[in-house]
């Protein structure tokens, strides 16, 4: 919930998300949970500073050779990218 606050607070950050369609089709927690998740994703995607793009299953795509994580702390330190 705290992370969501950076999107809905007084000074929201800009967010761009690219999701594979498979991530939306994979059922986690049952149909009711999935409906809630879809509704919340749609609500946040409607914000002017949030962009959600879906890569359709029928399209050719690629997979990056390495995963990465953006580490950002609350201690006034610059963000750091960690690559696996």
N, C-alpha and C. Protein backbone atom coordinates (compact mmCIF):
# COMPACT_ATOMS: atom_id res chain seq x y z
N UNK A 1 0.82 -1.19 0.00
CA UNK A 1 0.00 0.00 0.00
C UNK A 1 0.87 1.26 0.00
N UNK A 2 2.00 1.21 0.70
CA UNK A 2 2.88 2.38 0.74
C UNK A 2 3.45 2.66 -0.65
N UNK A 3 3.79 1.61 -1.39
CA UNK A 3 4.31 1.81 -2.74
C UNK A 3 3.26 2.44 -3.64
N UNK A 4 2.02 2.04 -3.46
CA UNK A 4 0.95 2.61 -4.28
C UNK A 4 0.78 4.10 -3.99
N UNK A 5 1.14 4.52 -2.77
CA UNK A 5 1.05 5.92 -2.39
C UNK A 5 1.89 6.84 -3.26
N UNK A 6 3.00 6.32 -3.80
CA UNK A 6 3.83 7.17 -4.66
C UNK A 6 3.15 7.43 -6.00
N UNK A 7 2.12 6.66 -6.31
CA UNK A 7 1.36 6.89 -7.54
C UNK A 7 0.12 7.75 -7.31
N UNK A 8 -0.39 7.72 -6.09
CA UNK A 8 -1.67 8.39 -5.83
C UNK A 8 -1.55 9.56 -4.88
N UNK A 9 -0.35 9.87 -4.41
CA UNK A 9 -0.16 10.96 -3.46
C UNK A 9 -0.16 12.33 -4.14
N UNK A 10 0.23 13.34 -3.37
CA UNK A 10 0.22 14.72 -3.87
C UNK A 10 1.26 14.99 -4.95
N UNK A 11 2.37 14.27 -4.91
CA UNK A 11 3.45 14.45 -5.88
C UNK A 11 3.78 13.10 -6.51
N UNK A 12 2.88 12.58 -7.36
CA UNK A 12 3.05 11.21 -7.86
C UNK A 12 4.21 11.08 -8.85
N UNK A 13 4.82 9.90 -8.86
CA UNK A 13 5.87 9.60 -9.82
C UNK A 13 5.24 9.10 -11.12
N UNK A 14 6.00 9.24 -12.21
CA UNK A 14 5.57 8.70 -13.49
C UNK A 14 5.96 7.23 -13.54
N UNK A 15 5.06 6.40 -14.03
CA UNK A 15 5.30 4.95 -14.10
C UNK A 15 4.91 4.44 -15.47
N UNK A 16 5.83 3.66 -16.07
CA UNK A 16 5.55 2.96 -17.33
C UNK A 16 5.74 1.48 -17.07
N UNK A 17 4.73 0.69 -17.41
CA UNK A 17 4.76 -0.75 -17.18
C UNK A 17 4.51 -1.46 -18.50
N UNK A 18 5.33 -2.46 -18.79
CA UNK A 18 5.11 -3.32 -19.95
C UNK A 18 4.89 -4.73 -19.41
N UNK A 19 3.68 -5.25 -19.64
CA UNK A 19 3.31 -6.57 -19.14
C UNK A 19 3.13 -7.54 -20.29
N UNK A 20 3.60 -8.74 -20.11
CA UNK A 20 3.28 -9.80 -21.05
C UNK A 20 1.85 -10.25 -20.77
N UNK A 21 1.08 -10.50 -21.79
CA UNK A 21 -0.31 -10.94 -21.62
C UNK A 21 -0.41 -12.16 -20.71
N UNK A 22 0.60 -13.01 -20.74
CA UNK A 22 0.60 -14.21 -19.90
C UNK A 22 0.50 -13.85 -18.41
N UNK A 23 1.08 -12.72 -18.02
CA UNK A 23 1.01 -12.29 -16.61
C UNK A 23 -0.42 -11.97 -16.21
N UNK A 24 -1.24 -11.55 -17.16
CA UNK A 24 -2.65 -11.25 -16.87
C UNK A 24 -3.51 -12.50 -16.91
N UNK A 25 -3.07 -13.50 -17.64
CA UNK A 25 -3.86 -14.73 -17.77
C UNK A 25 -3.59 -15.73 -16.66
N UNK A 26 -2.43 -15.65 -16.03
CA UNK A 26 -2.09 -16.58 -14.96
C UNK A 26 -2.95 -16.28 -13.74
N UNK A 27 -3.76 -17.24 -13.32
CA UNK A 27 -4.69 -17.05 -12.20
C UNK A 27 -3.94 -17.27 -10.89
N UNK A 28 -3.99 -16.26 -10.04
CA UNK A 28 -3.38 -16.33 -8.71
C UNK A 28 -4.45 -15.92 -7.71
N UNK A 29 -4.82 -16.82 -6.82
CA UNK A 29 -5.78 -16.49 -5.77
C UNK A 29 -7.24 -16.67 -6.13
N UNK A 30 -7.54 -17.11 -7.33
CA UNK A 30 -8.91 -17.37 -7.71
C UNK A 30 -9.55 -16.21 -8.47
N UNK A 31 -10.72 -16.46 -9.05
CA UNK A 31 -11.40 -15.47 -9.90
C UNK A 31 -11.72 -14.15 -9.21
N UNK A 32 -12.16 -14.19 -7.97
CA UNK A 32 -12.50 -12.94 -7.27
C UNK A 32 -11.27 -12.05 -7.08
N UNK A 33 -10.18 -12.65 -6.68
CA UNK A 33 -8.92 -11.91 -6.51
C UNK A 33 -8.47 -11.33 -7.84
N UNK A 34 -8.57 -12.12 -8.89
CA UNK A 34 -8.14 -11.66 -10.21
C UNK A 34 -8.99 -10.48 -10.68
N UNK A 35 -10.30 -10.53 -10.44
CA UNK A 35 -11.16 -9.40 -10.81
C UNK A 35 -10.73 -8.13 -10.08
N UNK A 36 -10.42 -8.26 -8.79
CA UNK A 36 -9.94 -7.11 -8.02
C UNK A 36 -8.63 -6.57 -8.59
N UNK A 37 -7.73 -7.48 -8.93
CA UNK A 37 -6.43 -7.06 -9.48
C UNK A 37 -6.60 -6.36 -10.82
N UNK A 38 -7.45 -6.91 -11.69
CA UNK A 38 -7.70 -6.27 -12.99
C UNK A 38 -8.31 -4.89 -12.80
N UNK A 39 -9.27 -4.77 -11.89
CA UNK A 39 -9.93 -3.48 -11.66
C UNK A 39 -8.93 -2.45 -11.13
N UNK A 40 -8.05 -2.86 -10.24
CA UNK A 40 -7.05 -1.93 -9.70
C UNK A 40 -6.03 -1.54 -10.76
N UNK A 41 -5.61 -2.48 -11.58
CA UNK A 41 -4.69 -2.18 -12.68
C UNK A 41 -5.34 -1.19 -13.64
N UNK A 42 -6.60 -1.41 -13.96
CA UNK A 42 -7.31 -0.49 -14.85
C UNK A 42 -7.45 0.89 -14.23
N UNK A 43 -7.74 0.96 -12.94
CA UNK A 43 -7.88 2.24 -12.24
C UNK A 43 -6.57 3.03 -12.28
N UNK A 44 -5.47 2.35 -11.97
CA UNK A 44 -4.18 3.03 -11.96
C UNK A 44 -3.74 3.41 -13.37
N UNK A 45 -4.01 2.57 -14.35
CA UNK A 45 -3.64 2.86 -15.73
C UNK A 45 -4.38 4.08 -16.27
N UNK A 46 -5.51 4.41 -15.69
CA UNK A 46 -6.28 5.57 -16.13
C UNK A 46 -5.68 6.89 -15.65
N UNK A 47 -4.73 6.83 -14.70
CA UNK A 47 -4.08 8.05 -14.21
C UNK A 47 -3.18 8.62 -15.32
N UNK A 48 -3.09 9.94 -15.39
CA UNK A 48 -2.32 10.60 -16.45
C UNK A 48 -0.83 10.24 -16.41
N UNK A 49 -0.30 9.94 -15.26
CA UNK A 49 1.14 9.70 -15.11
C UNK A 49 1.49 8.20 -15.08
N UNK A 50 0.52 7.35 -15.40
CA UNK A 50 0.76 5.89 -15.43
C UNK A 50 0.44 5.37 -16.83
N UNK A 51 1.38 4.62 -17.40
CA UNK A 51 1.17 3.99 -18.70
C UNK A 51 1.35 2.49 -18.53
N UNK A 52 0.36 1.73 -18.95
CA UNK A 52 0.44 0.26 -18.91
C UNK A 52 0.29 -0.23 -20.35
N UNK A 53 1.28 -0.98 -20.81
CA UNK A 53 1.23 -1.57 -22.14
C UNK A 53 1.26 -3.08 -21.99
N UNK A 54 0.48 -3.75 -22.84
CA UNK A 54 0.39 -5.22 -22.81
C UNK A 54 1.00 -5.77 -24.10
N UNK A 55 1.92 -6.71 -23.96
CA UNK A 55 2.48 -7.40 -25.12
C UNK A 55 1.60 -8.61 -25.39
N UNK A 56 0.86 -8.63 -26.51
CA UNK A 56 -0.04 -9.75 -26.80
C UNK A 56 0.72 -11.05 -27.01
N UNK A 57 0.10 -12.15 -26.61
CA UNK A 57 0.70 -13.48 -26.78
C UNK A 57 0.96 -13.80 -28.26
N UNK A 58 0.14 -13.29 -29.12
CA UNK A 58 0.27 -13.62 -30.54
C UNK A 58 1.42 -12.89 -31.23
N UNK A 59 2.05 -11.95 -30.55
CA UNK A 59 3.16 -11.19 -31.12
C UNK A 59 4.49 -11.84 -30.76
N UNK A 60 5.43 -11.74 -31.69
CA UNK A 60 6.80 -12.15 -31.38
C UNK A 60 7.33 -11.20 -30.32
N UNK A 61 8.11 -11.73 -29.42
CA UNK A 61 8.69 -10.92 -28.36
C UNK A 61 10.09 -11.41 -28.07
N UNK A 62 10.73 -10.81 -27.14
CA UNK A 62 12.05 -11.23 -26.75
C UNK A 62 12.13 -11.27 -25.23
N UNK A 63 13.14 -11.94 -24.76
CA UNK A 63 13.41 -11.99 -23.32
C UNK A 63 14.83 -11.52 -23.13
N UNK A 64 14.98 -10.54 -22.26
CA UNK A 64 16.32 -10.04 -21.93
C UNK A 64 17.13 -11.18 -21.31
N UNK A 65 18.43 -11.19 -21.56
CA UNK A 65 19.29 -12.24 -21.05
C UNK A 65 19.44 -12.19 -19.53
N UNK A 66 19.18 -11.03 -18.93
CA UNK A 66 19.35 -10.89 -17.48
C UNK A 66 18.16 -10.13 -16.90
N UNK A 67 17.80 -10.48 -15.67
CA UNK A 67 16.78 -9.73 -14.95
C UNK A 67 17.46 -8.63 -14.16
N UNK A 68 16.70 -7.58 -13.83
CA UNK A 68 17.27 -6.52 -13.01
C UNK A 68 16.25 -6.03 -12.02
N UNK A 69 16.74 -5.39 -10.98
CA UNK A 69 15.90 -4.81 -9.95
C UNK A 69 16.41 -3.40 -9.69
N UNK A 70 15.50 -2.44 -9.58
CA UNK A 70 15.86 -1.08 -9.22
C UNK A 70 15.73 -0.95 -7.72
N UNK A 71 16.85 -0.69 -7.05
CA UNK A 71 16.87 -0.53 -5.60
C UNK A 71 16.81 0.96 -5.28
N UNK A 72 15.77 1.36 -4.57
CA UNK A 72 15.59 2.76 -4.23
C UNK A 72 15.24 2.82 -2.75
N UNK A 73 16.02 3.57 -1.97
CA UNK A 73 15.80 3.60 -0.53
C UNK A 73 15.23 4.94 -0.09
N UNK A 74 14.78 4.98 1.14
CA UNK A 74 14.25 6.21 1.72
C UNK A 74 15.33 7.01 2.44
N UNK A 75 16.59 6.72 2.18
CA UNK A 75 17.69 7.34 2.92
C UNK A 75 18.44 8.36 2.08
N UNK A 76 17.75 9.03 1.16
CA UNK A 76 18.35 10.07 0.32
C UNK A 76 19.56 9.57 -0.47
N UNK A 77 19.54 8.32 -0.85
CA UNK A 77 20.59 7.74 -1.69
C UNK A 77 20.07 7.64 -3.12
N UNK A 78 20.98 7.71 -4.07
CA UNK A 78 20.60 7.55 -5.47
C UNK A 78 20.13 6.12 -5.72
N UNK A 79 19.14 5.93 -6.61
CA UNK A 79 18.71 4.57 -6.96
C UNK A 79 19.87 3.78 -7.59
N UNK A 80 19.85 2.47 -7.38
CA UNK A 80 20.88 1.58 -7.92
C UNK A 80 20.19 0.44 -8.66
N UNK A 81 20.74 0.07 -9.81
CA UNK A 81 20.22 -1.08 -10.55
C UNK A 81 21.04 -2.30 -10.21
N UNK A 82 20.35 -3.38 -9.83
CA UNK A 82 21.00 -4.66 -9.53
C UNK A 82 20.64 -5.63 -10.64
N UNK A 83 21.63 -6.21 -11.27
CA UNK A 83 21.40 -7.17 -12.34
C UNK A 83 21.74 -8.55 -11.85
N UNK A 84 20.86 -9.52 -12.13
CA UNK A 84 21.13 -10.90 -11.74
C UNK A 84 22.05 -11.55 -12.74
